[in-house]
Amino acid sequence: MTESTPGSNLGRHMFGVAALAFGIITLAWHDYNGWHQPRYLVYAAAAALIFGGAAIQFRRTSKTGAALLAVVYLVFALQCVPGIFAAPRIYNSWGNFFEQFSLVAGAAIVYARLSSACSRETLSRIGRILLGICAASFTLEQAFYLHPTASLVPKWLPPSQMFWAVTTTVLFALAAVALLTNRMALLAARLLTMMLVIFGLIVWIPLLLSAPRGHTNWSETVETFAIAGTAWILADLLGEYRLNDHLPR
């Protein structure tokens, strides 16, 4: 019989810190992600993000924290649906939905991993598919808004801003294919995590430091690290599954 081998929790911790930061930013600006929601919803979301982000850090309370964060992010993902129906040919609302849905996936994976509601194999498959779909959306979002994406790339980074915009779009596409087909999925999840962290470090943090009073810079920085946390959570899960799959029975 195979005993469960504990995996890394670094992805969960990054995800939780990002959620906690999201809650603080929401309280500070009385707004979530620049969406101008009703005050009662904003304050409730801020409290839930702060509590959930703190709770998910600890083994005893992480399941509760993950459930709470999944509900909060799902509510905000659903807030994008009216915009999708109103203008289905404009990808921005689709992109916003899948950005929030990737956070739902991260919280749901943590919850399911701790609750033992399904086998590790089933959970790994579901996690791959969910994040793979989100990565496909990130690909389309960058492809449709290639010039705005290129403008975010630091000008000092050789060879050019457009080169990196195109390259990262291709890398998102490759990650999506790898996750959805289960071909080098663990490597794809790890590289996707690394790419998103690099986005945060060389794109959003410098913008944040140059304009610290801008709500968008704060929310985009935290969202980038939160999505990186989701990718890391999946990478931790896939690594744990592979390790246990090769243990002697």
C-alpha atoms as a PDB file:
ATOM      1  CA  MET A   1       0.000   0.000   0.000  1.00  0.00           C
ATOM      2  CA  THR A   2       1.286   3.491  -0.881  1.00  0.00           C
ATOM      3  CA  GLU A   3       1.433   6.040   1.870  1.00  0.00           C
ATOM      4  CA  SER A   4       0.818   9.658   1.081  1.00  0.00           C
ATOM      5  CA  THR A   5       3.947  11.749   0.909  1.00  0.00           C
ATOM      6  CA  PRO A   6       3.525  15.408   1.938  1.00  0.00           C
ATOM      7  CA  GLY A   7       4.239  17.813  -0.871  1.00  0.00           C
ATOM      8  CA  SER A   8       5.395  21.401  -0.935  1.00  0.00           C
ATOM      9  CA  ASN A   9       3.086  24.093   0.413  1.00  0.00           C
ATOM     10  CA  LEU A  10       4.927  27.048  -1.080  1.00  0.00           C
ATOM     11  CA  GLY A  11       2.277  27.577  -3.747  1.00  0.00           C
ATOM     12  CA  ARG A  12      -0.460  27.644  -1.130  1.00  0.00           C
ATOM     13  CA  HIS A  13       1.460  30.183   0.927  1.00  0.00           C
ATOM     14  CA  MET A  14       2.049  32.490  -2.054  1.00  0.00           C
ATOM     15  CA  PHE A  15      -1.610  32.198  -3.013  1.00  0.00           C
ATOM     16  CA  GLY A  16      -2.684  33.058   0.523  1.00  0.00           C
ATOM     17  CA  VAL A  17      -0.362  36.063   0.844  1.00  0.00           C
ATOM     18  CA  ALA A  18      -1.706  37.389  -2.466  1.00  0.00           C
ATOM     19  CA  ALA A  19      -5.310  36.950  -1.256  1.00  0.00           C
ATOM     20  CA  LEU A  20      -4.488  38.755   1.978  1.00  0.00           C
ATOM     21  CA  ALA A  21      -2.890  41.593   0.005  1.00  0.00           C
ATOM     22  CA  PHE A  22      -5.940  41.714  -2.279  1.00  0.00           C
ATOM     23  CA  GLY A  23      -8.146  42.176   0.769  1.00  0.00           C
ATOM     24  CA  ILE A  24      -6.030  45.015   2.152  1.00  0.00           C
ATOM     25  CA  ILE A  25      -5.933  46.743  -1.249  1.00  0.00           C
ATOM     26  CA  THR A  26      -9.711  46.371  -1.561  1.00  0.00           C
ATOM     27  CA  LEU A  27     -10.203  48.020   1.833  1.00  0.00           C
ATOM     28  CA  ALA A  28      -7.717  50.793   1.092  1.00  0.00           C
ATOM     29  CA  TRP A  29      -9.334  51.742  -2.233  1.00  0.00           C
ATOM     30  CA  HIS A  30     -12.896  50.628  -1.401  1.00  0.00           C
ATOM     31  CA  ASP A  31     -12.784  48.765  -4.705  1.00  0.00           C
ATOM     32  CA  TYR A  32     -11.885  45.318  -6.038  1.00  0.00           C
ATOM     33  CA  ASN A  33      -9.696  45.242  -9.137  1.00  0.00           C
ATOM     34  CA  GLY A  34     -11.059  48.576 -10.393  1.00  0.00           C
ATOM     35  CA  TRP A  35     -14.531  47.101 -10.975  1.00  0.00           C
ATOM     36  CA  HIS A  36     -16.539  49.636  -8.900  1.00  0.00           C
ATOM     37  CA  GLN A  37     -18.761  47.140  -7.132  1.00  0.00           C
ATOM     38  CA  PRO A  38     -21.369  48.064  -4.474  1.00  0.00           C
ATOM     39  CA  ARG A  39     -19.775  48.979  -1.150  1.00  0.00           C
ATOM     40  CA  TYR A  40     -21.399  46.125   0.775  1.00  0.00           C
ATOM     41  CA  LEU A  41     -19.967  43.594  -1.691  1.00  0.00           C
ATOM     42  CA  VAL A  42     -16.541  45.233  -1.631  1.00  0.00           C
ATOM     43  CA  TYR A  43     -16.293  45.241   2.169  1.00  0.00           C
ATOM     44  CA  ALA A  44     -17.564  41.665   2.443  1.00  0.00           C
ATOM     45  CA  ALA A  45     -15.055  40.549  -0.194  1.00  0.00           C
ATOM     46  CA  ALA A  46     -12.218  42.391   1.537  1.00  0.00           C
ATOM     47  CA  ALA A  47     -13.000  40.735   4.868  1.00  0.00           C
ATOM     48  CA  ALA A  48     -13.275  37.315   3.223  1.00  0.00           C
ATOM     49  CA  LEU A  49     -10.010  37.769   1.318  1.00  0.00           C
ATOM     50  CA  ILE A  50      -8.137  38.839   4.443  1.00  0.00           C
ATOM     51  CA  PHE A  51      -9.555  36.037   6.575  1.00  0.00           C
ATOM     52  CA  GLY A  52      -9.219  33.425   3.841  1.00  0.00           C
ATOM     53  CA  GLY A  53      -5.697  34.520   2.924  1.00  0.00           C
ATOM     54  CA  ALA A  54      -4.627  34.238   6.559  1.00  0.00           C
ATOM     55  CA  ALA A  55      -6.482  30.980   7.225  1.00  0.00           C
ATOM     56  CA  ILE A  56      -5.059  29.168   4.206  1.00  0.00           C
ATOM     57  CA  GLN A  57      -1.542  29.610   5.595  1.00  0.00           C
ATOM     58  CA  PHE A  58      -2.117  27.148   8.424  1.00  0.00           C
ATOM     59  CA  ARG A  59      -2.797  23.432   8.127  1.00  0.00           C
ATOM     60  CA  ARG A  60      -5.694  23.418  10.587  1.00  0.00           C
ATOM     61  CA  THR A  61      -7.570  26.268   8.938  1.00  0.00           C
ATOM     62  CA  SER A  62      -6.353  26.058   5.339  1.00  0.00           C
ATOM     63  CA  LYS A  63      -9.372  24.042   4.163  1.00  0.00           C
ATOM     64  CA  THR A  64     -11.766  26.689   5.494  1.00  0.00           C
ATOM     65  CA  GLY A  65      -9.647  29.464   4.033  1.00  0.00           C
ATOM     66  CA  ALA A  66      -9.531  27.753   0.637  1.00  0.00           C
ATOM     67  CA  ALA A  67     -13.313  27.292   0.581  1.00  0.00           C
ATOM     68  CA  LEU A  68     -13.865  30.933   1.446  1.00  0.00           C
ATOM     69  CA  LEU A  69     -11.446  32.163  -1.207  1.00  0.00           C
ATOM     70  CA  ALA A  70     -13.011  29.880  -3.827  1.00  0.00           C
ATOM     71  CA  VAL A  71     -16.426  31.413  -3.134  1.00  0.00           C
ATOM     72  CA  VAL A  72     -15.115  34.992  -3.236  1.00  0.00           C
ATOM     73  CA  TYR A  73     -13.205  34.522  -6.481  1.00  0.00           C
ATOM     74  CA  LEU A  74     -16.163  32.675  -8.020  1.00  0.00           C
ATOM     75  CA  VAL A  75     -18.456  35.607  -7.206  1.00  0.00           C
ATOM     76  CA  PHE A  76     -16.087  38.004  -8.953  1.00  0.00           C
ATOM     77  CA  ALA A  77     -15.658  35.632 -11.894  1.00  0.00           C
ATOM     78  CA  LEU A  78     -19.430  35.572 -12.304  1.00  0.00           C
ATOM     79  CA  GLN A  79     -19.439  39.375 -12.243  1.00  0.00           C
ATOM     80  CA  CYS A  80     -17.696  39.191 -15.639  1.00  0.00           C
ATOM     81  CA  VAL A  81     -20.465  37.137 -17.254  1.00  0.00           C
ATOM     82  CA  PRO A  82     -22.859  40.041 -18.020  1.00  0.00           C
ATOM     83  CA  GLY A  83     -20.015  41.831 -19.826  1.00  0.00           C
ATOM     84  CA  ILE A  84     -19.353  38.712 -21.886  1.00  0.00           C
ATOM     85  CA  PHE A  85     -22.996  38.492 -22.983  1.00  0.00           C
ATOM     86  CA  ALA A  86     -23.172  42.235 -23.643  1.00  0.00           C
ATOM     87  CA  ALA A  87     -20.110  42.239 -25.922  1.00  0.00           C
ATOM     88  CA  PRO A  88     -19.036  38.668 -26.696  1.00  0.00           C
ATOM     89  CA  ARG A  89     -16.634  39.765 -29.440  1.00  0.00           C
ATOM     90  CA  ILE A  90     -14.596  41.901 -27.058  1.00  0.00           C
ATOM     91  CA  TYR A  91     -12.163  39.581 -25.322  1.00  0.00           C
ATOM     92  CA  ASN A  92     -11.484  41.782 -22.294  1.00  0.00           C
ATOM     93  CA  SER A  93     -14.482  40.433 -20.355  1.00  0.00           C
ATOM     94  CA  TRP A  94     -13.552  36.850 -21.281  1.00  0.00           C
ATOM     95  CA  GLY A  95     -10.002  37.527 -20.132  1.00  0.00           C
ATOM     96  CA  ASN A  96     -11.194  38.992 -16.832  1.00  0.00           C
ATOM     97  CA  PHE A  97     -13.406  35.963 -16.261  1.00  0.00           C
ATOM     98  CA  PHE A  98     -10.611  33.445 -16.763  1.00  0.00           C
ATOM     99  CA  GLU A  99      -8.182  35.461 -14.646  1.00  0.00           C
ATOM    100  CA  GLN A 100     -10.634  35.249 -11.743  1.00  0.00           C
ATOM    101  CA  PHE A 101     -11.500  31.642 -12.579  1.00  0.00           C
ATOM    102  CA  SER A 102      -7.825  30.671 -12.356  1.00  0.00           C
ATOM    103  CA  LEU A 103      -7.949  31.882  -8.746  1.00  0.00           C
ATOM    104  CA  VAL A 104     -11.106  29.832  -8.154  1.00  0.00           C
ATOM    105  CA  ALA A 105      -9.181  26.832  -9.477  1.00  0.00           C
ATOM    106  CA  GLY A 106      -6.249  27.482  -7.151  1.00  0.00           C
ATOM    107  CA  ALA A 107      -8.466  27.663  -4.073  1.00  0.00           C
ATOM    108  CA  ALA A 108     -10.507  24.640  -5.186  1.00  0.00           C
ATOM    109  CA  ILE A 109      -7.377  22.519  -5.675  1.00  0.00           C
ATOM    110  CA  VAL A 110      -6.184  23.372  -2.154  1.00  0.00           C
ATOM    111  CA  TYR A 111      -9.602  22.524  -0.708  1.00  0.00           C
ATOM    112  CA  ALA A 112      -9.900  19.231  -2.582  1.00  0.00           C
ATOM    113  CA  ARG A 113      -6.319  18.264  -1.780  1.00  0.00           C
ATOM    114  CA  LEU A 114      -7.000  18.657   1.947  1.00  0.00           C
ATOM    115  CA  SER A 115     -10.461  17.120   1.989  1.00  0.00           C
ATOM    116  CA  SER A 116      -9.498  13.871   0.206  1.00  0.00           C
ATOM    117  CA  ALA A 117     -12.791  14.115  -1.682  1.00  0.00           C
ATOM    118  CA  CYS A 118     -11.219  12.578  -4.779  1.00  0.00           C
ATOM    119  CA  SER A 119      -8.104  10.633  -5.640  1.00  0.00           C
ATOM    120  CA  ARG A 120      -4.823  12.425  -6.278  1.00  0.00           C
ATOM    121  CA  GLU A 121      -4.951  11.262  -9.893  1.00  0.00           C
ATOM    122  CA  THR A 122      -8.438  12.702 -10.442  1.00  0.00           C
ATOM    123  CA  LEU A 123      -7.546  15.954  -8.724  1.00  0.00           C
ATOM    124  CA  SER A 124      -4.367  16.287 -10.801  1.00  0.00           C
ATOM    125  CA  ARG A 125      -6.361  15.759 -13.994  1.00  0.00           C
ATOM    126  CA  ILE A 126      -9.016  18.301 -13.036  1.00  0.00           C
ATOM    127  CA  GLY A 127      -6.375  20.823 -11.955  1.00  0.00           C
ATOM    128  CA  ARG A 128      -4.486  20.427 -15.227  1.00  0.00           C
ATOM    129  CA  ILE A 129      -7.615  20.942 -17.307  1.00  0.00           C
ATOM    130  CA  LEU A 130      -8.794  23.989 -15.357  1.00  0.00           C
ATOM    131  CA  LEU A 131      -5.444  25.756 -15.429  1.00  0.00           C
ATOM    132  CA  GLY A 132      -4.861  24.642 -19.014  1.00  0.00           C
ATOM    133  CA  ILE A 133      -8.087  26.355 -20.098  1.00  0.00           C
ATOM    134  CA  CYS A 134      -7.067  29.494 -18.212  1.00  0.00           C
ATOM    135  CA  ALA A 135      -3.613  29.437 -19.833  1.00  0.00           C
ATOM    136  CA  ALA A 136      -5.315  29.186 -23.234  1.00  0.00           C
ATOM    137  CA  SER A 137      -7.305  32.300 -22.318  1.00  0.00           C
ATOM    138  CA  PHE A 138      -4.118  34.122 -21.271  1.00  0.00           C
ATOM    139  CA  THR A 139      -2.726  33.239 -24.701  1.00  0.00           C
ATOM    140  CA  LEU A 140      -5.727  34.694 -26.511  1.00  0.00           C
ATOM    141  CA  GLU A 141      -5.790  37.773 -24.289  1.00  0.00           C
ATOM    142  CA  GLN A 142      -2.176  38.600 -25.060  1.00  0.00           C
ATOM    143  CA  ALA A 143      -2.651  37.818 -28.762  1.00  0.00           C
ATOM    144  CA  PHE A 144      -5.677  40.109 -29.053  1.00  0.00           C
ATOM    145  CA  TYR A 145      -3.967  42.890 -27.104  1.00  0.00           C
ATOM    146  CA  LEU A 146      -0.426  42.345 -28.322  1.00  0.00           C
ATOM    147  CA  HIS A 147       0.590  45.999 -28.591  1.00  0.00           C
ATOM    148  CA  PRO A 148      -0.682  46.924 -25.086  1.00  0.00           C
ATOM    149  CA  THR A 149       1.108  43.819 -23.790  1.00  0.00           C
ATOM    150  CA  ALA A 150       4.329  44.881 -25.500  1.00  0.00           C
ATOM    151  CA  SER A 151       4.074  48.345 -23.950  1.00  0.00           C
ATOM    152  CA  LEU A 152       4.291  46.769 -20.475  1.00  0.00           C
ATOM    153  CA  VAL A 153       7.636  45.100 -21.213  1.00  0.00           C
ATOM    154  CA  PRO A 154      10.550  47.159 -19.825  1.00  0.00           C
ATOM    155  CA  LYS A 155      12.301  49.024 -22.636  1.00  0.00           C
ATOM    156  CA  TRP A 156      15.719  48.053 -21.285  1.00  0.00           C
ATOM    157  CA  LEU A 157      15.020  44.359 -21.877  1.00  0.00           C
ATOM    158  CA  PRO A 158      16.651  43.195 -25.156  1.00  0.00           C
ATOM    159  CA  PRO A 159      15.979  42.536 -27.951  1.00  0.00           C
ATOM    160  CA  SER A 160      12.622  44.392 -28.046  1.00  0.00           C
ATOM    161  CA  GLN A 161       9.295  44.816 -26.275  1.00  0.00           C
ATOM    162  CA  MET A 162       7.364  43.128 -29.106  1.00  0.00           C
ATOM    163  CA  PHE A 163       9.744  40.148 -29.079  1.00  0.00           C
ATOM    164  CA  TRP A 164       8.879  39.403 -25.460  1.00  0.00           C
ATOM    165  CA  ALA A 165       5.176  40.016 -25.979  1.00  0.00           C
ATOM    166  CA  VAL A 166       5.127  37.441 -28.784  1.00  0.00           C
ATOM    167  CA  THR A 167       7.424  35.026 -26.929  1.00  0.00           C
ATOM    168  CA  THR A 168       5.359  35.006 -23.734  1.00  0.00           C
ATOM    169  CA  THR A 169       2.180  34.555 -25.771  1.00  0.00           C
ATOM    170  CA  VAL A 170       3.705  31.474 -27.405  1.00  0.00           C
ATOM    171  CA  LEU A 171       4.863  30.212 -24.006  1.00  0.00           C
ATOM    172  CA  PHE A 172       1.343  30.554 -22.597  1.00  0.00           C
ATOM    173  CA  ALA A 173       0.077  28.550 -25.566  1.00  0.00           C
ATOM    174  CA  LEU A 174       2.665  25.815 -25.022  1.00  0.00           C
ATOM    175  CA  ALA A 175       1.784  25.653 -21.316  1.00  0.00           C
ATOM    176  CA  ALA A 176      -1.899  25.309 -22.196  1.00  0.00           C
ATOM    177  CA  VAL A 177      -1.202  22.470 -24.632  1.00  0.00           C
ATOM    178  CA  ALA A 178       1.081  20.667 -22.174  1.00  0.00           C
ATOM    179  CA  LEU A 179      -1.447  20.876 -19.340  1.00  0.00           C
ATOM    180  CA  LEU A 180      -4.460  19.899 -21.428  1.00  0.00           C
ATOM    181  CA  THR A 181      -2.696  16.951 -23.091  1.00  0.00           C
ATOM    182  CA  ASN A 182      -0.732  15.892 -19.997  1.00  0.00           C
ATOM    183  CA  ARG A 183       2.546  16.043 -21.898  1.00  0.00           C
ATOM    184  CA  MET A 184       5.297  17.339 -19.579  1.00  0.00           C
ATOM    185  CA  ALA A 185       2.549  18.893 -17.460  1.00  0.00           C
ATOM    186  CA  LEU A 186       4.683  19.161 -14.315  1.00  0.00           C
ATOM    187  CA  LEU A 187       7.434  20.991 -16.192  1.00  0.00           C
ATOM    188  CA  ALA A 188       4.834  23.244 -17.821  1.00  0.00           C
ATOM    189  CA  ALA A 189       3.272  24.114 -14.452  1.00  0.00           C
ATOM    190  CA  ARG A 190       6.673  24.932 -12.970  1.00  0.00           C
ATOM    191  CA  LEU A 191       7.740  27.048 -15.937  1.00  0.00           C
ATOM    192  CA  LEU A 192       4.372  28.816 -15.975  1.00  0.00           C
ATOM    193  CA  THR A 193       4.838  29.631 -12.297  1.00  0.00           C
ATOM    194  CA  MET A 194       8.313  30.981 -12.973  1.00  0.00           C
ATOM    195  CA  MET A 195       7.146  33.086 -15.932  1.00  0.00           C
ATOM    196  CA  LEU A 196       4.313  34.644 -13.931  1.00  0.00           C
ATOM    197  CA  VAL A 197       6.629  35.425 -11.018  1.00  0.00           C
ATOM    198  CA  ILE A 198       9.040  37.078 -13.470  1.00  0.00           C
ATOM    199  CA  PHE A 199       6.122  39.108 -14.857  1.00  0.00           C
ATOM    200  CA  GLY A 200       5.437  40.331 -11.347  1.00  0.00           C
ATOM    201  CA  LEU A 201       9.076  41.125 -10.583  1.00  0.00           C
ATOM    202  CA  ILE A 202      10.149  42.903 -13.770  1.00  0.00           C
ATOM    203  CA  VAL A 203       6.859  44.317 -15.073  1.00  0.00           C
ATOM    204  CA  TRP A 204       4.437  45.091 -12.278  1.00  0.00           C
ATOM    205  CA  ILE A 205       6.650  45.808  -9.263  1.00  0.00           C
ATOM    206  CA  PRO A 206       8.632  48.513 -11.145  1.00  0.00           C
ATOM    207  CA  LEU A 207       5.328  50.065 -12.296  1.00  0.00           C
ATOM    208  CA  LEU A 208       4.078  49.883  -8.722  1.00  0.00           C
ATOM    209  CA  LEU A 209       7.195  51.576  -7.380  1.00  0.00           C
ATOM    210  CA  SER A 210       6.981  54.306 -10.025  1.00  0.00           C
ATOM    211  CA  ALA A 211       3.308  55.024  -9.287  1.00  0.00           C
ATOM    212  CA  PRO A 212       2.421  53.622  -5.843  1.00  0.00           C
ATOM    213  CA  ARG A 213      -0.851  55.559  -5.627  1.00  0.00           C
ATOM    214  CA  GLY A 214      -2.337  53.812  -8.648  1.00  0.00           C
ATOM    215  CA  HIS A 215      -4.901  51.179  -7.731  1.00  0.00           C
ATOM    216  CA  THR A 216      -4.384  49.325 -11.023  1.00  0.00           C
ATOM    217  CA  ASN A 217      -0.677  48.816 -10.355  1.00  0.00           C
ATOM    218  CA  TRP A 218      -1.411  47.314  -6.946  1.00  0.00           C
ATOM    219  CA  SER A 219      -4.241  45.068  -8.116  1.00  0.00           C
ATOM    220  CA  GLU A 220      -2.395  43.844 -11.216  1.00  0.00           C
ATOM    221  CA  THR A 221       0.755  43.124  -9.203  1.00  0.00           C
ATOM    222  CA  VAL A 222      -1.120  41.106  -6.613  1.00  0.00           C
ATOM    223  CA  GLU A 223      -3.259  39.335  -9.206  1.00  0.00           C
ATOM    224  CA  THR A 224      -0.139  38.269 -11.114  1.00  0.00           C
ATOM    225  CA  PHE A 225       1.370  36.709  -7.992  1.00  0.00           C
ATOM    226  CA  ALA A 226      -1.992  35.146  -7.088  1.00  0.00           C
ATOM    227  CA  ILE A 227      -2.209  33.437 -10.489  1.00  0.00           C
ATOM    228  CA  ALA A 228       1.433  32.384 -10.075  1.00  0.00           C
ATOM    229  CA  GLY A 229       0.348  30.891  -6.759  1.00  0.00           C
ATOM    230  CA  THR A 230      -2.319  28.858  -8.562  1.00  0.00           C
ATOM    231  CA  ALA A 231       0.247  27.532 -11.042  1.00  0.00           C
ATOM    232  CA  TRP A 232       2.568  26.700  -8.130  1.00  0.00           C
ATOM    233  CA  ILE A 233      -0.246  24.906  -6.285  1.00  0.00           C
ATOM    234  CA  LEU A 234      -0.801  22.748  -9.354  1.00  0.00           C
ATOM    235  CA  ALA A 235       2.938  22.151  -9.759  1.00  0.00           C
ATOM    236  CA  ASP A 236       3.126  21.067  -6.095  1.00  0.00           C
ATOM    237  CA  LEU A 237       0.187  18.716  -6.634  1.00  0.00           C
ATOM    238  CA  LEU A 238       1.610  17.194  -9.816  1.00  0.00           C
ATOM    239  CA  GLY A 239       5.017  16.791  -8.186  1.00  0.00           C
ATOM    240  CA  GLU A 240       3.458  15.090  -5.173  1.00  0.00           C
ATOM    241  CA  TYR A 241       1.437  12.788  -7.437  1.00  0.00           C
ATOM    242  CA  ARG A 242       4.504  11.795  -9.448  1.00  0.00           C
ATOM    243  CA  LEU A 243       6.555  11.202  -6.297  1.00  0.00           C
ATOM    244  CA  ASN A 244       3.906   8.995  -4.656  1.00  0.00           C
ATOM    245  CA  ASP A 245       3.221   7.181  -7.918  1.00  0.00           C
ATOM    246  CA  HIS A 246       6.820   5.944  -7.911  1.00  0.00           C
ATOM    247  CA  LEU A 247       7.005   4.920  -4.273  1.00  0.00           C
ATOM    248  CA  PRO A 248       7.353   1.175  -3.590  1.00  0.00           C
ATOM    249  CA  ARG A 249       4.031  -0.479  -2.846  1.00  0.00           C
END
